[in-house]
Amino acid sequence: MAGTLTVIKVNGNTNFQHLKVNIAPFKQYILVSGLFYPDDHNNNQLSGSFDKYVQSYVKKIIQSQKGNDFIIYDVNILAGTITKTEYFANSSPKKSTITFDKVINSDYVRANNSIRFENNSKKIISKTDVYKLIEDIGTNNPNTLQEVHVFSHAYWNGPILVNTDSGGGDCDMRKADFTSGTINATNFKNAFTSSGFMKIWGCSFPVATNALFSKFRNNKQYSTTKTIPDSTIFSFVPNTFYYHPSGSLPVDLTPQINGILGTTYKVNDSIKLTFLEIKKILAYNYLSVYAGVIAKKIGIKVISALPATYANIDPTFHIAPSTMANVTFYKKHLDIKIEDGNYGVYDESTVQSLEAI
């Protein structure tokens, strides 16, 4: 609650009538910890969650909000708990918890050479619970949600909370959630303060997209320091746009170019692209990832890995130095703002700017 309260009477005494009391707004925070789900990196065993990042960030919020009233929601998918802690300037915190089913290793099954969560008989915390939490704030306490953080594995399509297949029983956050009617866009947006934001901690690293960007960056016309005119021609000899992954057959990258520019290049063609066309390709990728879709469809600020970059899962959770060349590309040549940890900013003004390219 925030705004101005008009006092009519106090304990029957009307001497205070029409006294106006300003009520300072409180801030709310939602912190979500995804899972280290079974995969090749952990011998196909569920191996914990990202909760340590949540707890570290809780301490950061408490320090920054000292002397204020505020609320933190700790969404722990592994433990199956959503804990709401209300902090007060002049009294002890008040805590309440909603309980769901825990996630355990036997909930995962192997099918088609992959392992996915498939125990649909359980009521675990999923994306719908996270979205509902945001929408309820937008309905009941609008303009109070300061930050939403999702600590998890992620990719271009969104944060991977549990690792489910798309379709029925899907628990993972996906960009289609914002175009299919899953989200109430008005309530979602109304939840946030004017400076509020959502941050996706994790990767956005399509390997083939990174390979394509590297072809652009390795061209002699490219520069990390100089402004490149849009009319500059980048020439590529035949077969430049083959990507050779280790141990696999070459991958033809020209469909990525043709699909965005409407061209009909073949990989064995001599290809000429203007820098404006290359910028269109980067802009398309920015607008097409999970964070870009939220910024466009909802109109809030999202901080997330830029296309073809990934995060190191270490104490800093920063974007890996090995993909910083793509961060520089976006920052220097598309004017993308970069936040702490070298994550990119996705917001309405940037979306509008890139759509105009």
Protein backbone atom coordinates (compact mmCIF):
# COMPACT_ATOMS: atom_id res chain seq x y z
CA MET A 1 0.00 0.00 0.00
CA ALA A 2 1.25 3.49 -0.83
CA GLY A 3 -0.17 6.99 -1.22
CA THR A 4 -2.12 9.31 1.07
CA LEU A 5 -4.47 8.16 3.84
CA THR A 6 -7.15 10.54 5.16
CA VAL A 7 -7.95 10.05 8.87
CA ILE A 8 -11.65 10.37 9.78
CA LYS A 9 -11.43 9.59 13.49
CA VAL A 10 -9.22 7.88 16.04
CA ASN A 11 -10.99 5.77 18.67
CA GLY A 12 -14.15 7.79 18.08
CA ASN A 13 -12.37 11.15 18.41
CA THR A 14 -13.05 13.26 15.31
CA ASN A 15 -10.56 16.02 16.20
CA PHE A 16 -8.20 14.34 13.75
CA GLN A 17 -10.72 14.56 10.93
CA HIS A 18 -9.22 15.16 7.48
CA LEU A 19 -5.66 14.74 8.74
CA LYS A 20 -3.65 13.36 5.83
CA VAL A 21 -0.91 10.80 6.41
CA ASN A 22 1.54 9.87 3.66
CA ILE A 23 2.23 6.15 3.45
CA ALA A 24 5.62 5.31 1.98
CA PRO A 25 5.56 2.55 -0.66
CA PHE A 26 7.21 -0.74 0.22
CA LYS A 27 9.23 -2.73 -2.28
CA GLN A 28 8.84 -6.41 -3.12
CA TYR A 29 11.40 -8.85 -4.52
CA ILE A 30 11.00 -12.31 -6.07
CA LEU A 31 14.03 -14.63 -6.18
CA VAL A 32 13.75 -17.97 -7.99
CA SER A 33 16.26 -20.83 -7.81
CA GLY A 34 16.18 -23.35 -10.65
CA LEU A 35 17.74 -26.82 -10.59
CA PHE A 36 20.99 -28.49 -11.53
CA TYR A 37 18.87 -31.04 -13.36
CA PRO A 38 20.33 -34.37 -14.59
CA ASP A 39 22.59 -34.04 -17.62
CA ASP A 40 26.05 -34.98 -18.89
CA HIS A 41 27.73 -32.50 -16.55
CA ASN A 42 26.60 -34.26 -13.36
CA ASN A 43 26.50 -37.94 -14.38
CA ASN A 44 22.80 -37.62 -15.14
CA GLN A 45 21.91 -37.06 -11.50
CA LEU A 46 19.89 -34.23 -9.97
CA SER A 47 22.63 -32.35 -8.14
CA GLY A 48 21.07 -29.48 -6.25
CA SER A 49 19.85 -26.01 -7.10
CA PHE A 50 20.89 -22.40 -7.53
CA ASP A 51 19.69 -21.56 -4.02
CA LYS A 52 23.11 -20.30 -2.86
CA TYR A 53 22.78 -17.44 -5.36
CA VAL A 54 19.35 -16.62 -3.98
CA GLN A 55 20.60 -16.54 -0.40
CA SER A 56 23.53 -14.35 -1.39
CA TYR A 57 21.18 -11.92 -3.09
CA VAL A 58 18.82 -11.91 -0.11
CA LYS A 59 21.70 -10.57 1.99
CA LYS A 60 22.34 -7.89 -0.61
CA ILE A 61 18.71 -6.74 -0.53
CA ILE A 62 18.59 -6.69 3.27
CA GLN A 63 21.70 -4.52 3.36
CA SER A 64 20.44 -2.09 0.71
CA GLN A 65 16.95 -1.79 2.23
CA LYS A 66 18.00 -1.38 5.85
CA GLY A 67 15.56 0.93 7.62
CA ASN A 68 12.74 0.25 5.14
CA ASP A 69 9.77 -2.07 4.98
CA PHE A 70 10.05 -4.63 2.18
CA ILE A 71 9.07 -8.17 1.19
CA ILE A 72 11.18 -10.98 -0.29
CA TYR A 73 9.71 -14.09 -1.91
CA ASP A 74 12.16 -17.01 -1.98
CA VAL A 75 10.99 -19.52 -4.61
CA ASN A 76 12.86 -22.77 -3.98
CA ILE A 77 11.80 -25.30 -6.62
CA LEU A 78 13.97 -28.15 -5.34
CA ALA A 79 12.62 -27.91 -1.79
CA GLY A 80 9.10 -27.15 -2.98
CA THR A 81 8.66 -23.96 -0.96
CA ILE A 82 7.68 -20.37 -1.63
CA THR A 83 8.66 -18.40 1.45
CA LYS A 84 7.41 -14.86 1.94
CA THR A 85 9.43 -12.82 4.43
CA GLU A 86 8.16 -9.38 5.43
CA TYR A 87 10.88 -7.11 6.77
CA PHE A 88 10.04 -4.10 8.92
CA ALA A 89 12.11 -1.09 9.91
CA ASN A 90 11.09 -1.28 13.57
CA SER A 91 10.20 -4.91 14.26
CA SER A 92 11.29 -8.48 13.56
CA PRO A 93 10.68 -10.12 10.17
CA LYS A 94 7.48 -12.10 9.63
CA LYS A 95 7.74 -15.30 7.62
CA SER A 96 5.15 -17.56 5.94
CA THR A 97 5.63 -20.52 3.60
CA ILE A 98 3.53 -22.26 0.96
CA THR A 99 4.56 -25.88 0.39
CA PHE A 100 4.65 -27.84 -2.88
CA ASP A 101 6.08 -31.25 -3.77
CA LYS A 102 9.86 -31.57 -3.73
CA VAL A 103 11.76 -32.50 -6.89
CA ILE A 104 13.80 -35.73 -6.63
CA ASN A 105 16.04 -37.64 -9.01
CA SER A 106 13.48 -40.36 -9.76
CA ASP A 107 11.15 -37.71 -11.23
CA TYR A 108 13.41 -37.68 -14.28
CA VAL A 109 13.20 -40.22 -17.10
CA ARG A 110 15.27 -40.82 -20.22
CA ALA A 111 13.54 -40.65 -23.60
CA ASN A 112 14.94 -40.01 -27.08
CA ASN A 113 18.48 -39.67 -25.76
CA SER A 114 17.57 -36.94 -23.29
CA ILE A 115 16.50 -36.81 -19.65
CA ARG A 116 13.45 -34.78 -18.68
CA PHE A 117 11.25 -34.22 -15.64
CA GLU A 118 8.07 -36.19 -16.35
CA ASN A 119 6.31 -36.83 -13.05
CA ASN A 120 3.07 -35.04 -13.84
CA SER A 121 1.35 -36.54 -10.79
CA LYS A 122 3.32 -34.19 -8.54
CA LYS A 123 2.50 -30.58 -7.80
CA ILE A 124 5.90 -28.94 -8.03
CA ILE A 125 6.64 -25.24 -8.36
CA SER A 126 6.56 -24.31 -12.03
CA LYS A 127 6.59 -21.22 -14.20
CA THR A 128 2.85 -20.76 -13.66
CA ASP A 129 3.45 -20.25 -9.94
CA VAL A 130 6.16 -17.66 -10.61
CA TYR A 131 4.00 -15.82 -13.12
CA LYS A 132 0.99 -15.93 -10.76
CA LEU A 133 3.09 -14.44 -7.97
CA ILE A 134 3.95 -11.50 -10.21
CA GLU A 135 0.40 -11.08 -11.51
CA ASP A 136 -1.09 -11.20 -7.99
CA ILE A 137 1.21 -8.35 -6.96
CA GLY A 138 0.04 -6.44 -10.03
CA THR A 139 -3.56 -6.95 -8.94
CA ASN A 140 -3.28 -6.45 -5.19
CA ASN A 141 -0.22 -4.22 -4.69
CA PRO A 142 0.57 -2.61 -8.03
CA ASN A 143 3.83 -0.74 -8.62
CA THR A 144 5.63 -2.38 -5.69
CA LEU A 145 7.64 -5.14 -7.37
CA GLN A 146 11.20 -3.88 -7.62
CA GLU A 147 13.12 -6.92 -8.84
CA VAL A 148 12.54 -10.47 -10.10
CA HIS A 149 15.63 -12.68 -10.34
CA VAL A 150 15.72 -16.13 -11.91
CA PHE A 151 18.91 -18.04 -11.09
CA SER A 152 19.04 -21.09 -13.34
CA HIS A 153 20.35 -22.65 -16.49
CA ALA A 154 18.87 -20.78 -19.43
CA TYR A 155 18.91 -20.56 -23.21
CA TRP A 156 17.47 -18.26 -25.87
CA ASN A 157 13.94 -19.55 -25.24
CA GLY A 158 13.99 -18.80 -21.51
CA PRO A 159 15.09 -19.99 -18.06
CA ILE A 160 15.17 -23.76 -17.56
CA LEU A 161 13.63 -24.19 -14.12
CA VAL A 162 13.22 -27.98 -14.05
CA ASN A 163 13.98 -29.21 -17.59
CA THR A 164 10.68 -30.36 -19.05
CA ASP A 165 9.56 -30.81 -22.63
CA SER A 166 7.31 -28.15 -24.12
CA GLY A 167 3.61 -28.92 -24.25
CA GLY A 168 1.46 -30.39 -21.51
CA GLY A 169 3.12 -30.38 -18.10
CA ASP A 170 5.79 -27.89 -19.16
CA CYS A 171 7.30 -26.17 -16.12
CA ASP A 172 10.02 -24.12 -17.81
CA MET A 173 9.74 -20.45 -18.73
CA ARG A 174 9.48 -19.89 -22.48
CA LYS A 175 9.01 -16.87 -24.71
CA ALA A 176 5.74 -18.33 -26.04
CA ASP A 177 4.28 -17.71 -22.57
CA PHE A 178 4.08 -14.04 -23.54
CA THR A 179 2.43 -14.56 -26.92
CA SER A 180 0.01 -17.42 -26.20
CA GLY A 181 -2.24 -15.89 -23.54
CA THR A 182 -0.50 -17.66 -20.65
CA ILE A 183 0.35 -14.28 -19.14
CA ASN A 184 -2.03 -11.49 -18.15
CA ALA A 185 0.13 -8.73 -19.58
CA THR A 186 -1.65 -5.90 -17.76
CA ASN A 187 -1.34 -7.43 -14.30
CA PHE A 188 2.23 -8.54 -15.02
CA LYS A 189 3.34 -5.05 -16.01
CA ASN A 190 1.37 -3.31 -13.26
CA ALA A 191 3.28 -5.26 -10.62
CA PHE A 192 6.56 -3.44 -11.28
CA THR A 193 7.73 -0.09 -9.97
CA SER A 194 8.81 2.52 -12.51
CA SER A 195 12.42 1.39 -11.99
CA GLY A 196 11.61 -2.28 -11.53
CA PHE A 197 13.18 -5.01 -13.62
CA MET A 198 13.50 -8.74 -14.21
CA LYS A 199 16.92 -10.39 -14.42
CA ILE A 200 17.59 -13.76 -16.04
CA TRP A 201 20.85 -15.16 -14.69
CA GLY A 202 22.09 -17.72 -17.19
CA CYS A 203 23.02 -18.35 -20.79
CA SER A 204 21.65 -17.45 -24.21
CA PHE A 205 24.08 -19.33 -26.39
CA PRO A 206 22.88 -20.94 -29.63
CA VAL A 207 26.14 -22.42 -30.90
CA ALA A 208 25.31 -21.84 -34.57
CA THR A 209 24.39 -18.21 -33.88
CA ASN A 210 27.73 -17.66 -32.19
CA ALA A 211 29.41 -19.24 -35.21
CA LEU A 212 27.55 -16.85 -37.51
CA PHE A 213 28.50 -13.82 -35.43
CA SER A 214 32.13 -14.94 -35.45
CA LYS A 215 32.10 -14.95 -39.28
CA PHE A 216 31.03 -11.31 -39.17
CA ARG A 217 33.59 -10.38 -36.51
CA ASN A 218 36.44 -12.10 -38.37
CA ASN A 219 35.83 -10.12 -41.54
CA LYS A 220 38.50 -7.49 -42.26
CA GLN A 221 35.88 -4.72 -42.31
CA TYR A 222 34.86 -5.33 -38.71
CA SER A 223 36.19 -3.14 -35.90
CA THR A 224 35.67 -3.12 -32.15
CA THR A 225 36.79 0.50 -31.85
CA LYS A 226 35.66 2.36 -34.98
CA THR A 227 32.17 3.26 -36.10
CA ILE A 228 31.30 1.25 -39.21
CA PRO A 229 29.05 2.99 -41.76
CA ASP A 230 25.88 1.05 -42.58
CA SER A 231 26.82 1.04 -46.27
CA THR A 232 30.14 -0.75 -45.69
CA ILE A 233 30.31 -3.98 -47.72
CA PHE A 234 31.45 -7.16 -45.97
CA SER A 235 32.61 -9.67 -48.59
CA PHE A 236 32.72 -13.39 -47.87
CA VAL A 237 34.34 -16.00 -50.11
CA PRO A 238 32.47 -19.24 -50.96
CA ASN A 239 31.99 -21.67 -48.07
CA THR A 240 32.74 -19.03 -45.42
CA PHE A 241 29.41 -19.77 -43.84
CA TYR A 242 30.13 -23.39 -43.11
CA TYR A 243 30.49 -24.02 -39.40
CA HIS A 244 32.66 -27.03 -38.50
CA PRO A 245 31.72 -28.33 -35.04
CA SER A 246 34.18 -30.78 -33.57
CA GLY A 247 33.34 -34.39 -34.45
CA SER A 248 30.31 -33.46 -36.55
CA LEU A 249 29.47 -32.71 -40.14
CA PRO A 250 29.71 -29.08 -41.31
CA VAL A 251 26.67 -26.90 -40.62
CA ASP A 252 25.41 -24.48 -43.27
CA LEU A 253 24.78 -21.08 -41.65
CA THR A 254 23.23 -19.37 -44.67
CA PRO A 255 19.64 -20.30 -43.67
CA GLN A 256 20.07 -18.00 -40.66
CA ILE A 257 20.95 -15.15 -43.02
CA ASN A 258 18.24 -15.92 -45.57
CA GLY A 259 15.53 -16.36 -42.96
CA ILE A 260 16.11 -12.87 -41.58
CA LEU A 261 17.01 -10.90 -44.71
CA GLY A 262 14.75 -12.71 -47.17
CA THR A 263 17.73 -13.57 -49.37
CA THR A 264 18.49 -16.81 -51.21
CA TYR A 265 22.22 -17.25 -50.68
CA LYS A 266 23.84 -20.67 -51.01
CA VAL A 267 26.78 -21.58 -48.82
CA ASN A 268 29.06 -21.93 -51.87
CA ASP A 269 28.19 -18.42 -53.13
CA SER A 270 30.39 -15.37 -52.87
CA ILE A 271 28.29 -13.35 -50.44
CA LYS A 272 28.25 -9.60 -49.90
CA LEU A 273 26.41 -8.07 -46.95
CA THR A 274 26.18 -4.44 -45.94
CA PHE A 275 26.88 -3.68 -42.32
CA LEU A 276 23.25 -2.57 -42.05
CA GLU A 277 22.18 -6.08 -43.06
CA ILE A 278 24.52 -7.57 -40.47
CA LYS A 279 23.03 -5.26 -37.84
CA LYS A 280 19.55 -6.42 -38.87
CA ILE A 281 20.64 -10.00 -38.16
CA LEU A 282 21.91 -9.10 -34.69
CA ALA A 283 18.80 -7.04 -33.99
CA TYR A 284 16.54 -9.93 -35.02
CA ASN A 285 18.32 -12.23 -32.58
CA TYR A 286 18.02 -9.68 -29.75
CA LEU A 287 14.30 -9.24 -30.37
CA SER A 288 13.68 -12.99 -30.65
CA VAL A 289 15.06 -14.23 -27.33
CA TYR A 290 13.00 -14.59 -24.13
CA ALA A 291 14.10 -11.26 -22.67
CA GLY A 292 13.46 -9.41 -25.93
CA VAL A 293 9.93 -10.79 -26.16
CA ILE A 294 9.14 -9.69 -22.58
CA ALA A 295 10.51 -6.20 -23.22
CA LYS A 296 8.33 -5.90 -26.33
CA LYS A 297 5.14 -7.59 -25.16
CA ILE A 298 5.09 -6.42 -21.52
CA GLY A 299 7.12 -3.23 -21.64
CA ILE A 300 9.35 -3.81 -18.62
CA LYS A 301 13.12 -3.77 -18.35
CA VAL A 302 14.79 -7.17 -18.50
CA ILE A 303 18.47 -7.84 -17.85
CA SER A 304 19.70 -11.01 -19.51
CA ALA A 305 22.52 -12.59 -21.46
CA LEU A 306 22.80 -11.17 -24.96
CA PRO A 307 22.43 -13.57 -27.92
CA ALA A 308 25.42 -15.89 -28.34
CA THR A 309 26.76 -15.28 -24.84
CA TYR A 310 26.78 -17.55 -21.81
CA ALA A 311 27.27 -17.16 -18.08
CA ASN A 312 29.93 -18.82 -15.97
CA ILE A 313 28.30 -20.66 -13.08
CA ASP A 314 30.83 -19.49 -10.52
CA PRO A 315 30.55 -17.14 -7.52
CA THR A 316 30.12 -14.11 -9.79
CA PHE A 317 27.69 -15.67 -12.32
CA HIS A 318 29.08 -13.19 -14.88
CA ILE A 319 29.07 -13.53 -18.66
CA ALA A 320 32.02 -15.68 -19.71
CA PRO A 321 35.08 -13.83 -21.08
CA SER A 322 35.10 -16.22 -24.06
CA THR A 323 31.83 -14.69 -25.34
CA MET A 324 32.58 -11.06 -24.53
CA ALA A 325 33.29 -10.35 -28.21
CA ASN A 326 29.56 -10.63 -28.86
CA VAL A 327 28.79 -8.31 -25.93
CA THR A 328 31.17 -5.76 -27.46
CA PHE A 329 29.49 -6.20 -30.86
CA TYR A 330 26.07 -5.33 -29.41
CA LYS A 331 27.37 -2.51 -27.23
CA LYS A 332 29.52 -0.80 -29.85
CA HIS A 333 27.44 -1.19 -32.97
CA LEU A 334 23.82 -1.49 -31.74
CA ASP A 335 24.09 0.77 -28.66
CA ILE A 336 22.89 -1.91 -26.26
CA LYS A 337 23.29 -0.94 -22.62
CA ILE A 338 25.36 -3.35 -20.53
CA GLU A 339 24.73 -3.94 -16.82
CA ASP A 340 26.74 -5.50 -14.01
CA GLY A 341 28.15 -8.87 -14.96
CA ASN A 342 28.10 -7.92 -18.67
CA TYR A 343 24.45 -8.85 -19.09
CA GLY A 344 22.51 -6.86 -21.68
CA VAL A 345 19.53 -4.57 -21.12
CA TYR A 346 16.29 -5.32 -22.94
CA ASP A 347 13.77 -2.49 -22.71
CA GLU A 348 11.04 -0.73 -24.70
CA SER A 349 13.22 2.05 -26.08
CA THR A 350 15.87 -0.39 -27.31
CA VAL A 351 13.24 -2.65 -28.85
CA GLN A 352 11.78 0.29 -30.76
CA SER A 353 15.24 1.38 -31.91
CA LEU A 354 16.18 -2.07 -33.19
CA GLU A 355 12.83 -2.62 -34.89
CA ALA A 356 13.52 0.55 -36.88
CA ILE A 357 16.81 -0.74 -38.32
